[in-house]
């Protein structure tokens, strides 16, 4: 089984950081990064987020950022107050 196949299997459960993937595969971080970047170039995975908060995921798992922002807005106390929920 190739590193690509193993990463695709891991990401079936949801987004993971590069460090988490490296730890699960027992690979050095730089090798894992190289494989992930090659996979991204082929359209097999996507990178979401920035910096240390970034996560790798399968293309169909990438969150809808607009929906996420709406959900965050709906959870604020001000939004609940204005909607009459409080």
C-alpha atoms as a PDB file:
ATOM      1  CA  UNK A   1       0.000   0.000   0.000  1.00  0.00           C
ATOM      2  CA  UNK A   2       1.446   3.389  -0.980  1.00  0.00           C
ATOM      3  CA  UNK A   3       1.689   6.453   1.245  1.00  0.00           C
ATOM      4  CA  UNK A   4      -1.030   8.049  -0.894  1.00  0.00           C
ATOM      5  CA  UNK A   5      -3.397   5.134  -0.292  1.00  0.00           C
ATOM      6  CA  UNK A   6      -2.695   5.171   3.429  1.00  0.00           C
ATOM      7  CA  UNK A   7      -3.345   8.930   3.660  1.00  0.00           C
ATOM      8  CA  UNK A   8      -6.592   8.609   1.707  1.00  0.00           C
ATOM      9  CA  UNK A   9      -7.698   5.888   4.139  1.00  0.00           C
ATOM     10  CA  UNK A  10      -6.846   8.074   7.141  1.00  0.00           C
ATOM     11  CA  UNK A  11      -8.748  11.069   5.778  1.00  0.00           C
ATOM     12  CA  UNK A  12     -11.938   9.021   5.350  1.00  0.00           C
ATOM     13  CA  UNK A  13     -12.598   9.749   9.038  1.00  0.00           C
ATOM     14  CA  UNK A  14     -12.242  13.514   8.603  1.00  0.00           C
ATOM     15  CA  UNK A  15      -9.672  16.301   8.344  1.00  0.00           C
ATOM     16  CA  UNK A  16      -6.291  15.863  10.040  1.00  0.00           C
ATOM     17  CA  UNK A  17      -3.204  17.990  10.577  1.00  0.00           C
ATOM     18  CA  UNK A  18       0.072  17.093   8.868  1.00  0.00           C
ATOM     19  CA  UNK A  19       1.517  16.126  12.240  1.00  0.00           C
ATOM     20  CA  UNK A  20      -1.371  13.767  12.983  1.00  0.00           C
ATOM     21  CA  UNK A  21      -0.994  12.133   9.571  1.00  0.00           C
ATOM     22  CA  UNK A  22       2.782  11.783  10.010  1.00  0.00           C
ATOM     23  CA  UNK A  23       2.333  10.212  13.440  1.00  0.00           C
ATOM     24  CA  UNK A  24      -0.253   7.705  12.178  1.00  0.00           C
ATOM     25  CA  UNK A  25       1.927   6.708   9.222  1.00  0.00           C
ATOM     26  CA  UNK A  26       5.212   6.714  11.127  1.00  0.00           C
ATOM     27  CA  UNK A  27       6.779   9.077   8.574  1.00  0.00           C
ATOM     28  CA  UNK A  28       8.952  12.152   9.067  1.00  0.00           C
ATOM     29  CA  UNK A  29       7.083  15.455   8.809  1.00  0.00           C
ATOM     30  CA  UNK A  30       8.921  16.611   5.684  1.00  0.00           C
ATOM     31  CA  UNK A  31       8.175  13.378   3.810  1.00  0.00           C
ATOM     32  CA  UNK A  32       4.517  13.616   4.825  1.00  0.00           C
ATOM     33  CA  UNK A  33       4.374  17.233   3.646  1.00  0.00           C
ATOM     34  CA  UNK A  34       5.929  16.275   0.300  1.00  0.00           C
ATOM     35  CA  UNK A  35       3.379  13.495  -0.256  1.00  0.00           C
ATOM     36  CA  UNK A  36       0.458  15.743   0.763  1.00  0.00           C
ATOM     37  CA  UNK A  37       1.534  18.567  -1.557  1.00  0.00           C
ATOM     38  CA  UNK A  38       1.839  16.113  -4.452  1.00  0.00           C
ATOM     39  CA  UNK A  39      -1.609  14.753  -3.624  1.00  0.00           C
ATOM     40  CA  UNK A  40      -3.027  18.290  -3.528  1.00  0.00           C
ATOM     41  CA  UNK A  41      -1.484  19.041  -6.930  1.00  0.00           C
ATOM     42  CA  UNK A  42      -3.316  15.980  -8.294  1.00  0.00           C
ATOM     43  CA  UNK A  43      -6.610  17.072  -6.697  1.00  0.00           C
ATOM     44  CA  UNK A  44      -6.740  14.151  -4.266  1.00  0.00           C
ATOM     45  CA  UNK A  45      -6.741  16.256  -1.070  1.00  0.00           C
ATOM     46  CA  UNK A  46      -7.352  19.852  -0.014  1.00  0.00           C
ATOM     47  CA  UNK A  47      -5.780  22.025   2.650  1.00  0.00           C
ATOM     48  CA  UNK A  48      -8.191  24.003   4.803  1.00  0.00           C
ATOM     49  CA  UNK A  49      -7.209  26.684   7.284  1.00  0.00           C
ATOM     50  CA  UNK A  50      -3.899  28.435   7.735  1.00  0.00           C
ATOM     51  CA  UNK A  51      -0.709  27.862   9.680  1.00  0.00           C
ATOM     52  CA  UNK A  52      -0.810  25.518  12.613  1.00  0.00           C
ATOM     53  CA  UNK A  53      -4.601  25.375  12.415  1.00  0.00           C
ATOM     54  CA  UNK A  54      -4.590  23.955   8.879  1.00  0.00           C
ATOM     55  CA  UNK A  55      -6.034  20.531   8.189  1.00  0.00           C
ATOM     56  CA  UNK A  56      -5.845  18.190   5.221  1.00  0.00           C
ATOM     57  CA  UNK A  57      -9.073  16.656   3.969  1.00  0.00           C
ATOM     58  CA  UNK A  58     -10.641  14.886   1.032  1.00  0.00           C
ATOM     59  CA  UNK A  59     -12.148  17.256  -1.561  1.00  0.00           C
ATOM     60  CA  UNK A  60     -15.742  16.332  -0.667  1.00  0.00           C
ATOM     61  CA  UNK A  61     -15.060  16.984   3.042  1.00  0.00           C
ATOM     62  CA  UNK A  62     -14.005  20.622   2.659  1.00  0.00           C
ATOM     63  CA  UNK A  63     -16.356  22.720   4.782  1.00  0.00           C
ATOM     64  CA  UNK A  64     -18.578  25.350   3.270  1.00  0.00           C
ATOM     65  CA  UNK A  65     -17.059  28.520   4.734  1.00  0.00           C
ATOM     66  CA  UNK A  66     -20.232  30.583   4.288  1.00  0.00           C
ATOM     67  CA  UNK A  67     -22.306  27.986   6.144  1.00  0.00           C
ATOM     68  CA  UNK A  68     -19.677  27.867   8.904  1.00  0.00           C
ATOM     69  CA  UNK A  69     -19.753  31.650   9.308  1.00  0.00           C
ATOM     70  CA  UNK A  70     -23.562  31.660   9.481  1.00  0.00           C
ATOM     71  CA  UNK A  71     -23.489  28.898  12.106  1.00  0.00           C
ATOM     72  CA  UNK A  72     -20.952  30.854  14.180  1.00  0.00           C
ATOM     73  CA  UNK A  73     -23.079  33.983  13.910  1.00  0.00           C
ATOM     74  CA  UNK A  74     -26.201  32.117  15.004  1.00  0.00           C
ATOM     75  CA  UNK A  75     -24.422  30.909  18.128  1.00  0.00           C
ATOM     76  CA  UNK A  76     -23.489  34.360  19.427  1.00  0.00           C
ATOM     77  CA  UNK A  77     -25.493  35.762  22.315  1.00  0.00           C
ATOM     78  CA  UNK A  78     -26.319  38.914  20.361  1.00  0.00           C
ATOM     79  CA  UNK A  79     -27.751  36.911  17.483  1.00  0.00           C
ATOM     80  CA  UNK A  80     -29.829  34.772  19.868  1.00  0.00           C
ATOM     81  CA  UNK A  81     -31.101  37.926  21.593  1.00  0.00           C
ATOM     82  CA  UNK A  82     -32.004  39.602  18.321  1.00  0.00           C
ATOM     83  CA  UNK A  83     -33.823  36.486  17.115  1.00  0.00           C
ATOM     84  CA  UNK A  84     -35.875  36.401  20.318  1.00  0.00           C
ATOM     85  CA  UNK A  85     -34.327  33.184  21.588  1.00  0.00           C
ATOM     86  CA  UNK A  86     -33.145  34.866  24.820  1.00  0.00           C
END
